Amino acid sequence: MIKVAYCLRKENDFSYKKSGIGFISDSGEDLILYPNSKWERIIEYCIPYCYPILYKQGEYKSSFTECKEVDFVVKGSIERKEIEITYMLWYKIL
């Protein structure tokens, strides 16, 4: 496993930002956002789409979209809709 420093934020919401120390899985495809908090998460198959940042050694970035099902209350009934959330990912190999 490769140790990385990461920063994850929503594309249009600058108040939502998570950063810390994480790991790239042995397969080289998944990013494990490692805890020191309750927020432990595995982002699947995002590393192959990351590209290197020019003139910065060992730094990469990418964006990815996650689909979630959310329950909305509409006129007293609950409707389930699927929404897309776009995240920006940056990491540096330590």
PDB file of N, CA and C in Angstrom:
ATOM      1  N   MET A   1       0.839  -1.175   0.000  1.00  0.00           N
ATOM      2  CA  MET A   1       0.000   0.000   0.000  1.00  0.00           C
ATOM      3  C   MET A   1       0.885   1.239   0.000  1.00  0.00           C
ATOM      4  N   ILE A   2       0.499   2.218  -0.801  1.00  0.00           N
ATOM      5  CA  ILE A   2       1.266   3.449  -0.934  1.00  0.00           C
ATOM      6  C   ILE A   2       0.606   4.532  -0.097  1.00  0.00           C
ATOM      7  N   LYS A   3       1.380   5.209   0.719  1.00  0.00           N
ATOM      8  CA  LYS A   3       0.860   6.253   1.597  1.00  0.00           C
ATOM      9  C   LYS A   3       0.774   7.572   0.836  1.00  0.00           C
ATOM     10  N   VAL A   4      -0.365   8.261   0.963  1.00  0.00           N
ATOM     11  CA  VAL A   4      -0.586   9.521   0.270  1.00  0.00           C
ATOM     12  C   VAL A   4      -1.225  10.547   1.207  1.00  0.00           C
ATOM     13  N   ALA A   5      -1.024  11.822   0.879  1.00  0.00           N
ATOM     14  CA  ALA A   5      -1.788  12.908   1.492  1.00  0.00           C
ATOM     15  C   ALA A   5      -2.857  13.284   0.478  1.00  0.00           C
ATOM     16  N   TYR A   6      -4.100  13.459   0.923  1.00  0.00           N
ATOM     17  CA  TYR A   6      -5.190  13.702  -0.015  1.00  0.00           C
ATOM     18  C   TYR A   6      -6.018  14.908   0.396  1.00  0.00           C
ATOM     19  N   CYS A   7      -6.756  15.437  -0.569  1.00  0.00           N
ATOM     20  CA  CYS A   7      -7.753  16.475  -0.333  1.00  0.00           C
ATOM     21  C   CYS A   7      -8.936  16.149  -1.236  1.00  0.00           C
ATOM     22  N   LEU A   8     -10.117  16.053  -0.653  1.00  0.00           N
ATOM     23  CA  LEU A   8     -11.335  15.716  -1.382  1.00  0.00           C
ATOM     24  C   LEU A   8     -12.356  16.807  -1.108  1.00  0.00           C
ATOM     25  N   ARG A   9     -12.924  17.395  -2.170  1.00  0.00           N
ATOM     26  CA  ARG A   9     -13.945  18.415  -1.984  1.00  0.00           C
ATOM     27  C   ARG A   9     -15.009  18.299  -3.068  1.00  0.00           C
ATOM     28  N   LYS A  10     -16.192  18.812  -2.751  1.00  0.00           N
ATOM     29  CA  LYS A  10     -17.255  18.851  -3.749  1.00  0.00           C
ATOM     30  C   LYS A  10     -16.919  19.923  -4.768  1.00  0.00           C
ATOM     31  N   GLU A  11     -17.382  19.711  -6.003  1.00  0.00           N
ATOM     32  CA  GLU A  11     -16.974  20.591  -7.092  1.00  0.00           C
ATOM     33  C   GLU A  11     -17.418  22.045  -6.895  1.00  0.00           C
ATOM     34  N   ASN A  12     -18.653  22.281  -6.515  1.00  0.00           N
ATOM     35  CA  ASN A  12     -19.151  23.644  -6.392  1.00  0.00           C
ATOM     36  C   ASN A  12     -19.415  24.062  -4.952  1.00  0.00           C
ATOM     37  N   ASP A  13     -18.935  23.293  -3.994  1.00  0.00           N
ATOM     38  CA  ASP A  13     -19.179  23.591  -2.588  1.00  0.00           C
ATOM     39  C   ASP A  13     -17.838  23.625  -1.866  1.00  0.00           C
ATOM     40  N   PHE A  14     -17.283  24.816  -1.704  1.00  0.00           N
ATOM     41  CA  PHE A  14     -15.953  24.940  -1.120  1.00  0.00           C
ATOM     42  C   PHE A  14     -15.961  24.724   0.390  1.00  0.00           C
ATOM     43  N   SER A  15     -17.131  24.717   1.011  1.00  0.00           N
ATOM     44  CA  SER A  15     -17.186  24.479   2.452  1.00  0.00           C
ATOM     45  C   SER A  15     -17.026  22.998   2.790  1.00  0.00           C
ATOM     46  N   TYR A  16     -17.298  22.089   1.821  1.00  0.00           N
ATOM     47  CA  TYR A  16     -17.148  20.651   2.044  1.00  0.00           C
ATOM     48  C   TYR A  16     -15.750  20.254   1.596  1.00  0.00           C
ATOM     49  N   LYS A  17     -14.873  20.008   2.558  1.00  0.00           N
ATOM     50  CA  LYS A  17     -13.492  19.641   2.242  1.00  0.00           C
ATOM     51  C   LYS A  17     -12.995  18.651   3.279  1.00  0.00           C
ATOM     52  N   LYS A  18     -12.469  17.540   2.826  1.00  0.00           N
ATOM     53  CA  LYS A  18     -11.866  16.535   3.692  1.00  0.00           C
ATOM     54  C   LYS A  18     -10.423  16.339   3.245  1.00  0.00           C
ATOM     55  N   SER A  19      -9.520  16.304   4.195  1.00  0.00           N
ATOM     56  CA  SER A  19      -8.120  16.079   3.857  1.00  0.00           C
ATOM     57  C   SER A  19      -7.466  15.275   4.960  1.00  0.00           C
ATOM     58  N   GLY A  20      -6.358  14.645   4.616  1.00  0.00           N
ATOM     59  CA  GLY A  20      -5.651  13.845   5.593  1.00  0.00           C
ATOM     60  C   GLY A  20      -4.693  12.876   4.936  1.00  0.00           C
ATOM     61  N   ILE A  21      -4.391  11.801   5.635  1.00  0.00           N
ATOM     62  CA  ILE A  21      -3.486  10.766   5.159  1.00  0.00           C
ATOM     63  C   ILE A  21      -4.314   9.560   4.730  1.00  0.00           C
ATOM     64  N   GLY A  22      -3.991   9.005   3.574  1.00  0.00           N
ATOM     65  CA  GLY A  22      -4.706   7.839   3.066  1.00  0.00           C
ATOM     66  C   GLY A  22      -3.748   6.864   2.427  1.00  0.00           C
ATOM     67  N   PHE A  23      -4.312   5.842   1.797  1.00  0.00           N
ATOM     68  CA  PHE A  23      -3.502   4.809   1.152  1.00  0.00           C
ATOM     69  C   PHE A  23      -4.096   4.444  -0.199  1.00  0.00           C
ATOM     70  N   ILE A  24      -3.220   4.125  -1.149  1.00  0.00           N
ATOM     71  CA  ILE A  24      -3.650   3.535  -2.411  1.00  0.00           C
ATOM     72  C   ILE A  24      -3.586   2.032  -2.224  1.00  0.00           C
ATOM     73  N   SER A  25      -4.633   1.331  -2.625  1.00  0.00           N
ATOM     74  CA  SER A  25      -4.716  -0.111  -2.402  1.00  0.00           C
ATOM     75  C   SER A  25      -3.645  -0.854  -3.193  1.00  0.00           C
ATOM     76  N   ASP A  26      -3.457  -2.120  -2.858  1.00  0.00           N
ATOM     77  CA  ASP A  26      -2.451  -2.945  -3.525  1.00  0.00           C
ATOM     78  C   ASP A  26      -2.748  -3.136  -5.006  1.00  0.00           C
ATOM     79  N   SER A  27      -4.026  -3.096  -5.375  1.00  0.00           N
ATOM     80  CA  SER A  27      -4.390  -3.246  -6.786  1.00  0.00           C
ATOM     81  C   SER A  27      -4.073  -1.985  -7.585  1.00  0.00           C
ATOM     82  N   GLY A  28      -3.860  -0.856  -6.902  1.00  0.00           N
ATOM     83  CA  GLY A  28      -3.527   0.388  -7.571  1.00  0.00           C
ATOM     84  C   GLY A  28      -4.728   1.094  -8.169  1.00  0.00           C
ATOM     85  N   GLU A  29      -5.931   0.716  -7.781  1.00  0.00           N
ATOM     86  CA  GLU A  29      -7.134   1.309  -8.359  1.00  0.00           C
ATOM     87  C   GLU A  29      -7.971   2.077  -7.350  1.00  0.00           C
ATOM     88  N   ASP A  30      -7.886   1.743  -6.073  1.00  0.00           N
ATOM     89  CA  ASP A  30      -8.763   2.325  -5.057  1.00  0.00           C
ATOM     90  C   ASP A  30      -7.971   3.224  -4.117  1.00  0.00           C
ATOM     91  N   LEU A  31      -8.642   4.268  -3.626  1.00  0.00           N
ATOM     92  CA  LEU A  31      -8.052   5.149  -2.633  1.00  0.00           C
ATOM     93  C   LEU A  31      -8.785   4.929  -1.324  1.00  0.00           C
ATOM     94  N   ILE A  32      -8.024   4.612  -0.283  1.00  0.00           N
ATOM     95  CA  ILE A  32      -8.593   4.379   1.041  1.00  0.00           C
ATOM     96  C   ILE A  32      -8.335   5.630   1.865  1.00  0.00           C
ATOM     97  N   LEU A  33      -9.406   6.343   2.182  1.00  0.00           N
ATOM     98  CA  LEU A  33      -9.279   7.543   2.999  1.00  0.00           C
ATOM     99  C   LEU A  33      -9.213   7.087   4.437  1.00  0.00           C
ATOM    100  N   TYR A  34      -8.025   7.088   4.953  1.00  0.00           N
ATOM    101  CA  TYR A  34      -7.725   6.446   6.229  1.00  0.00           C
ATOM    102  C   TYR A  34      -8.176   7.302   7.397  1.00  0.00           C
ATOM    103  N   PRO A  35      -8.657   6.690   8.454  1.00  0.00           N
ATOM    104  CA  PRO A  35      -9.207   7.473   9.561  1.00  0.00           C
ATOM    105  C   PRO A  35      -8.154   8.174  10.398  1.00  0.00           C
ATOM    106  N   ASN A  36      -8.373   8.881  11.197  1.00  0.00           N
ATOM    107  CA  ASN A  36      -7.994   9.562  12.403  1.00  0.00           C
ATOM    108  C   ASN A  36      -9.269  10.255  12.796  1.00  0.00           C
ATOM    109  N   SER A  37     -10.306   9.897  12.090  1.00  0.00           N
ATOM    110  CA  SER A  37     -11.634  10.436  12.355  1.00  0.00           C
ATOM    111  C   SER A  37     -12.650   9.324  12.117  1.00  0.00           C
ATOM    112  N   LYS A  38     -13.909   9.639  12.236  1.00  0.00           N
ATOM    113  CA  LYS A  38     -14.967   8.662  11.984  1.00  0.00           C
ATOM    114  C   LYS A  38     -15.241   8.516  10.501  1.00  0.00           C
ATOM    115  N   TRP A  39     -14.656   9.361   9.693  1.00  0.00           N
ATOM    116  CA  TRP A  39     -14.954   9.417   8.271  1.00  0.00           C
ATOM    117  C   TRP A  39     -13.985   8.515   7.508  1.00  0.00           C
ATOM    118  N   GLU A  40     -14.251   7.232   7.499  1.00  0.00           N
ATOM    119  CA  GLU A  40     -13.408   6.278   6.778  1.00  0.00           C
ATOM    120  C   GLU A  40     -14.158   5.861   5.528  1.00  0.00           C
ATOM    121  N   ARG A  41     -13.480   5.886   4.401  1.00  0.00           N
ATOM    122  CA  ARG A  41     -14.175   5.667   3.144  1.00  0.00           C
ATOM    123  C   ARG A  41     -13.224   5.080   2.117  1.00  0.00           C
ATOM    124  N   ILE A  42     -13.756   4.279   1.213  1.00  0.00           N
ATOM    125  CA  ILE A  42     -12.982   3.738   0.103  1.00  0.00           C
ATOM    126  C   ILE A  42     -13.586   4.286  -1.185  1.00  0.00           C
ATOM    127  N   ILE A  43     -12.770   4.970  -1.960  1.00  0.00           N
ATOM    128  CA  ILE A  43     -13.209   5.465  -3.260  1.00  0.00           C
ATOM    129  C   ILE A  43     -12.698   4.482  -4.287  1.00  0.00           C
ATOM    130  N   GLU A  44     -13.621   3.795  -4.939  1.00  0.00           N
ATOM    131  CA  GLU A  44     -13.261   2.705  -5.838  1.00  0.00           C
ATOM    132  C   GLU A  44     -12.931   3.203  -7.237  1.00  0.00           C
ATOM    133  N   TYR A  45     -11.898   2.628  -7.805  1.00  0.00           N
ATOM    134  CA  TYR A  45     -11.483   2.801  -9.191  1.00  0.00           C
ATOM    135  C   TYR A  45     -11.342   4.266  -9.603  1.00  0.00           C
ATOM    136  N   CYS A  46     -10.663   5.063  -8.797  1.00  0.00           N
ATOM    137  CA  CYS A  46     -10.446   6.475  -9.148  1.00  0.00           C
ATOM    138  C   CYS A  46      -8.998   6.754  -9.536  1.00  0.00           C
ATOM    139  N   ILE A  47      -8.054   5.958  -9.080  1.00  0.00           N
ATOM    140  CA  ILE A  47      -6.627   6.220  -9.306  1.00  0.00           C
ATOM    141  C   ILE A  47      -6.238   6.140 -10.788  1.00  0.00           C
ATOM    142  N   PRO A  48      -6.756   5.176 -11.580  1.00  0.00           N
ATOM    143  CA  PRO A  48      -6.360   5.146 -12.996  1.00  0.00           C
ATOM    144  C   PRO A  48      -6.760   6.401 -13.777  1.00  0.00           C
ATOM    145  N   TYR A  49      -7.737   7.156 -13.299  1.00  0.00           N
ATOM    146  CA  TYR A  49      -8.183   8.356 -13.998  1.00  0.00           C
ATOM    147  C   TYR A  49      -7.463   9.618 -13.547  1.00  0.00           C
ATOM    148  N   CYS A  50      -6.638   9.527 -12.512  1.00  0.00           N
ATOM    149  CA  CYS A  50      -5.894  10.689 -12.045  1.00  0.00           C
ATOM    150  C   CYS A  50      -4.733  10.976 -12.988  1.00  0.00           C
ATOM    151  N   TYR A  51      -4.458  12.251 -13.183  1.00  0.00           N
ATOM    152  CA  TYR A  51      -3.360  12.633 -14.058  1.00  0.00           C
ATOM    153  C   TYR A  51      -2.363  13.479 -13.266  1.00  0.00           C
ATOM    154  N   PRO A  52      -1.081  13.433 -13.657  1.00  0.00           N
ATOM    155  CA  PRO A  52      -0.059  14.184 -12.906  1.00  0.00           C
ATOM    156  C   PRO A  52      -0.206  15.687 -13.119  1.00  0.00           C
ATOM    157  N   ILE A  53       0.117  16.451 -12.090  1.00  0.00           N
ATOM    158  CA  ILE A  53       0.100  17.907 -12.174  1.00  0.00           C
ATOM    159  C   ILE A  53       1.446  18.348 -12.735  1.00  0.00           C
ATOM    160  N   LEU A  54       1.423  19.233 -13.721  1.00  0.00           N
ATOM    161  CA  LEU A  54       2.654  19.679 -14.364  1.00  0.00           C
ATOM    162  C   LEU A  54       3.588  20.357 -13.370  1.00  0.00           C
ATOM    163  N   TYR A  55       4.856  20.031 -13.463  1.00  0.00           N
ATOM    164  CA  TYR A  55       5.938  20.620 -12.667  1.00  0.00           C
ATOM    165  C   TYR A  55       5.824  20.330 -11.177  1.00  0.00           C
ATOM    166  N   LYS A  56       5.031  19.351 -10.777  1.00  0.00           N
ATOM    167  CA  LYS A  56       4.918  18.961  -9.372  1.00  0.00           C
ATOM    168  C   LYS A  56       5.196  17.458  -9.289  1.00  0.00           C
ATOM    169  N   GLN A  57       6.258  17.098  -8.624  1.00  0.00           N
ATOM    170  CA  GLN A  57       6.673  15.707  -8.524  1.00  0.00           C
ATOM    171  C   GLN A  57       5.758  14.930  -7.580  1.00  0.00           C
ATOM    172  N   GLY A  58       5.149  13.855  -8.051  1.00  0.00           N
ATOM    173  CA  GLY A  58       4.356  12.965  -7.212  1.00  0.00           C
ATOM    174  C   GLY A  58       2.980  13.486  -6.837  1.00  0.00           C
ATOM    175  N   GLU A  59       2.473  14.538  -7.514  1.00  0.00           N
ATOM    176  CA  GLU A  59       1.140  15.063  -7.229  1.00  0.00           C
ATOM    177  C   GLU A  59       0.208  14.760  -8.386  1.00  0.00           C
ATOM    178  N   TYR A  60      -1.029  14.361  -8.046  1.00  0.00           N
ATOM    179  CA  TYR A  60      -2.016  13.959  -9.040  1.00  0.00           C
ATOM    180  C   TYR A  60      -3.368  14.558  -8.680  1.00  0.00           C
ATOM    181  N   LYS A  61      -4.233  14.716  -9.693  1.00  0.00           N
ATOM    182  CA  LYS A  61      -5.579  15.182  -9.417  1.00  0.00           C
ATOM    183  C   LYS A  61      -6.563  14.601 -10.425  1.00  0.00           C
ATOM    184  N   SER A  62      -7.831  14.665 -10.056  1.00  0.00           N
ATOM    185  CA  SER A  62      -8.883  14.107 -10.890  1.00  0.00           C
ATOM    186  C   SER A  62     -10.226  14.581 -10.365  1.00  0.00           C
ATOM    187  N   SER A  63     -11.266  14.289 -11.112  1.00  0.00           N
ATOM    188  CA  SER A  63     -12.629  14.505 -10.622  1.00  0.00           C
ATOM    189  C   SER A  63     -13.417  13.239 -10.903  1.00  0.00           C
ATOM    190  N   PHE A  64     -14.405  12.973 -10.081  1.00  0.00           N
ATOM    191  CA  PHE A  64     -15.244  11.809 -10.297  1.00  0.00           C
ATOM    192  C   PHE A  64     -16.652  12.107  -9.814  1.00  0.00           C
ATOM    193  N   THR A  65     -17.603  11.370 -10.343  1.00  0.00           N
ATOM    194  CA  THR A  65     -19.011  11.567 -10.018  1.00  0.00           C
ATOM    195  C   THR A  65     -19.529  10.357  -9.271  1.00  0.00           C
ATOM    196  N   GLU A  66     -20.288  10.624  -8.215  1.00  0.00           N
ATOM    197  CA  GLU A  66     -20.877   9.567  -7.406  1.00  0.00           C
ATOM    198  C   GLU A  66     -22.400   9.717  -7.461  1.00  0.00           C
ATOM    199  N   CYS A  67     -23.104   8.621  -7.681  1.00  0.00           N
ATOM    200  CA  CYS A  67     -24.563   8.632  -7.712  1.00  0.00           C
ATOM    201  C   CYS A  67     -25.090   8.125  -6.377  1.00  0.00           C
ATOM    202  N   LYS A  68     -26.041   8.862  -5.809  1.00  0.00           N
ATOM    203  CA  LYS A  68     -26.651   8.469  -4.543  1.00  0.00           C
ATOM    204  C   LYS A  68     -28.159   8.522  -4.670  1.00  0.00           C
ATOM    205  N   GLU A  69     -28.832   7.656  -3.935  1.00  0.00           N
ATOM    206  CA  GLU A  69     -30.285   7.701  -3.853  1.00  0.00           C
ATOM    207  C   GLU A  69     -30.670   8.456  -2.592  1.00  0.00           C
ATOM    208  N   VAL A  70     -31.530   9.457  -2.755  1.00  0.00           N
ATOM    209  CA  VAL A  70     -31.931  10.315  -1.656  1.00  0.00           C
ATOM    210  C   VAL A  70     -33.450  10.312  -1.571  1.00  0.00           C
ATOM    211  N   ASP A  71     -33.987  10.289  -0.338  1.00  0.00           N
ATOM    212  CA  ASP A  71     -35.431  10.341  -0.123  1.00  0.00           C
ATOM    213  C   ASP A  71     -35.872  11.791   0.046  1.00  0.00           C
ATOM    214  N   PHE A  72     -36.876  12.199  -0.739  1.00  0.00           N
ATOM    215  CA  PHE A  72     -37.476  13.521  -0.645  1.00  0.00           C
ATOM    216  C   PHE A  72     -38.927  13.380  -0.206  1.00  0.00           C
ATOM    217  N   VAL A  73     -39.409  14.327   0.595  1.00  0.00           N
ATOM    218  CA  VAL A  73     -40.817  14.348   0.981  1.00  0.00           C
ATOM    219  C   VAL A  73     -41.539  15.312   0.052  1.00  0.00           C
ATOM    220  N   VAL A  74     -42.489  14.789  -0.723  1.00  0.00           N
ATOM    221  CA  VAL A  74     -43.249  15.593  -1.674  1.00  0.00           C
ATOM    222  C   VAL A  74     -44.728  15.398  -1.391  1.00  0.00           C
ATOM    223  N   LYS A  75     -45.386  16.450  -0.925  1.00  0.00           N
ATOM    224  CA  LYS A  75     -46.825  16.443  -0.644  1.00  0.00           C
ATOM    225  C   LYS A  75     -47.228  15.280   0.259  1.00  0.00           C
ATOM    226  N   GLY A  76     -46.460  15.060   1.298  1.00  0.00           N
ATOM    227  CA  GLY A  76     -46.791  14.041   2.282  1.00  0.00           C
ATOM    228  C   GLY A  76     -46.332  12.636   1.940  1.00  0.00           C
ATOM    229  N   SER A  77     -45.808  12.423   0.747  1.00  0.00           N
ATOM    230  CA  SER A  77     -45.306  11.094   0.397  1.00  0.00           C
ATOM    231  C   SER A  77     -43.792  11.167   0.182  1.00  0.00           C
ATOM    232  N   ILE A  78     -43.152  10.052   0.327  1.00  0.00           N
ATOM    233  CA  ILE A  78     -41.699   9.987   0.188  1.00  0.00           C
ATOM    234  C   ILE A  78     -41.355   9.480  -1.200  1.00  0.00           C
ATOM    235  N   GLU A  79     -40.530  10.254  -1.906  1.00  0.00           N
ATOM    236  CA  GLU A  79     -40.061   9.853  -3.231  1.00  0.00           C
ATOM    237  C   GLU A  79     -38.555   9.653  -3.175  1.00  0.00           C
ATOM    238  N   ARG A  80     -38.081   8.623  -3.812  1.00  0.00           N
ATOM    239  CA  ARG A  80     -36.650   8.342  -3.868  1.00  0.00           C
ATOM    240  C   ARG A  80     -36.131   8.770  -5.238  1.00  0.00           C
ATOM    241  N   LYS A  81     -35.133   9.643  -5.227  1.00  0.00           N
ATOM    242  CA  LYS A  81     -34.531  10.125  -6.466  1.00  0.00           C
ATOM    243  C   LYS A  81     -33.040   9.864  -6.437  1.00  0.00           C
ATOM    244  N   GLU A  82     -32.463   9.749  -7.615  1.00  0.00           N
ATOM    245  CA  GLU A  82     -31.038   9.531  -7.746  1.00  0.00           C
ATOM    246  C   GLU A  82     -30.384  10.858  -8.119  1.00  0.00           C
ATOM    247  N   ILE A  83     -29.373  11.262  -7.358  1.00  0.00           N
ATOM    248  CA  ILE A  83     -28.662  12.505  -7.634  1.00  0.00           C
ATOM    249  C   ILE A  83     -27.193  12.205  -7.889  1.00  0.00           C
ATOM    250  N   GLU A  84     -26.541  13.093  -8.627  1.00  0.00           N
ATOM    251  CA  GLU A  84     -25.117  12.965  -8.913  1.00  0.00           C
ATOM    252  C   GLU A  84     -24.351  14.029  -8.145  1.00  0.00           C
ATOM    253  N   ILE A  85     -23.259  13.635  -7.525  1.00  0.00           N
ATOM    254  CA  ILE A  85     -22.391  14.554  -6.804  1.00  0.00           C
ATOM    255  C   ILE A  85     -20.996  14.428  -7.414  1.00  0.00           C
ATOM    256  N   THR A  86     -20.430  15.563  -7.816  1.00  0.00           N
ATOM    257  CA  THR A  86     -19.103  15.565  -8.420  1.00  0.00           C
ATOM    258  C   THR A  86     -18.081  16.013  -7.389  1.00  0.00           C
ATOM    259  N   TYR A  87     -17.015  15.239  -7.253  1.00  0.00           N
ATOM    260  CA  TYR A  87     -15.938  15.519  -6.305  1.00  0.00           C
ATOM    261  C   TYR A  87     -14.647  15.805  -7.056  1.00  0.00           C
ATOM    262  N   MET A  88     -13.808  16.654  -6.479  1.00  0.00           N
ATOM    263  CA  MET A  88     -12.461  16.909  -6.979  1.00  0.00           C
ATOM    264  C   MET A  88     -11.489  16.236  -6.010  1.00  0.00           C
ATOM    265  N   LEU A  89     -10.545  15.487  -6.543  1.00  0.00           N
ATOM    266  CA  LEU A  89      -9.590  14.740  -5.737  1.00  0.00           C
ATOM    267  C   LEU A  89      -8.174  15.180  -6.082  1.00  0.00           C
ATOM    268  N   TRP A  90      -7.362  15.443  -5.067  1.00  0.00           N
ATOM    269  CA  TRP A  90      -5.951  15.725  -5.206  1.00  0.00           C
ATOM    270  C   TRP A  90      -5.216  14.833  -4.227  1.00  0.00           C
ATOM    271  N   TYR A  91      -4.088  14.284  -4.657  1.00  0.00           N
ATOM    272  CA  TYR A  91      -3.248  13.535  -3.705  1.00  0.00           C
ATOM    273  C   TYR A  91      -1.787  13.653  -4.077  1.00  0.00           C
ATOM    274  N   LYS A  92      -0.944  13.463  -3.062  1.00  0.00           N
ATOM    275  CA  LYS A  92       0.506  13.501  -3.235  1.00  0.00           C
ATOM    276  C   LYS A  92       1.081  12.247  -2.589  1.00  0.00           C
ATOM    277  N   ILE A  93       1.941  11.580  -3.310  1.00  0.00           N
ATOM    278  CA  ILE A  93       2.595  10.373  -2.798  1.00  0.00           C
ATOM    279  C   ILE A  93       3.653  10.775  -1.774  1.00  0.00           C
ATOM    280  N   LEU A  94       3.569  10.180  -0.605  1.00  0.00           N
ATOM    281  CA  LEU A  94       4.524  10.505   0.467  1.00  0.00           C
ATOM    282  C   LEU A  94       5.692   9.534   0.487  1.00  0.00           C
TER     283      LEU A  94
END
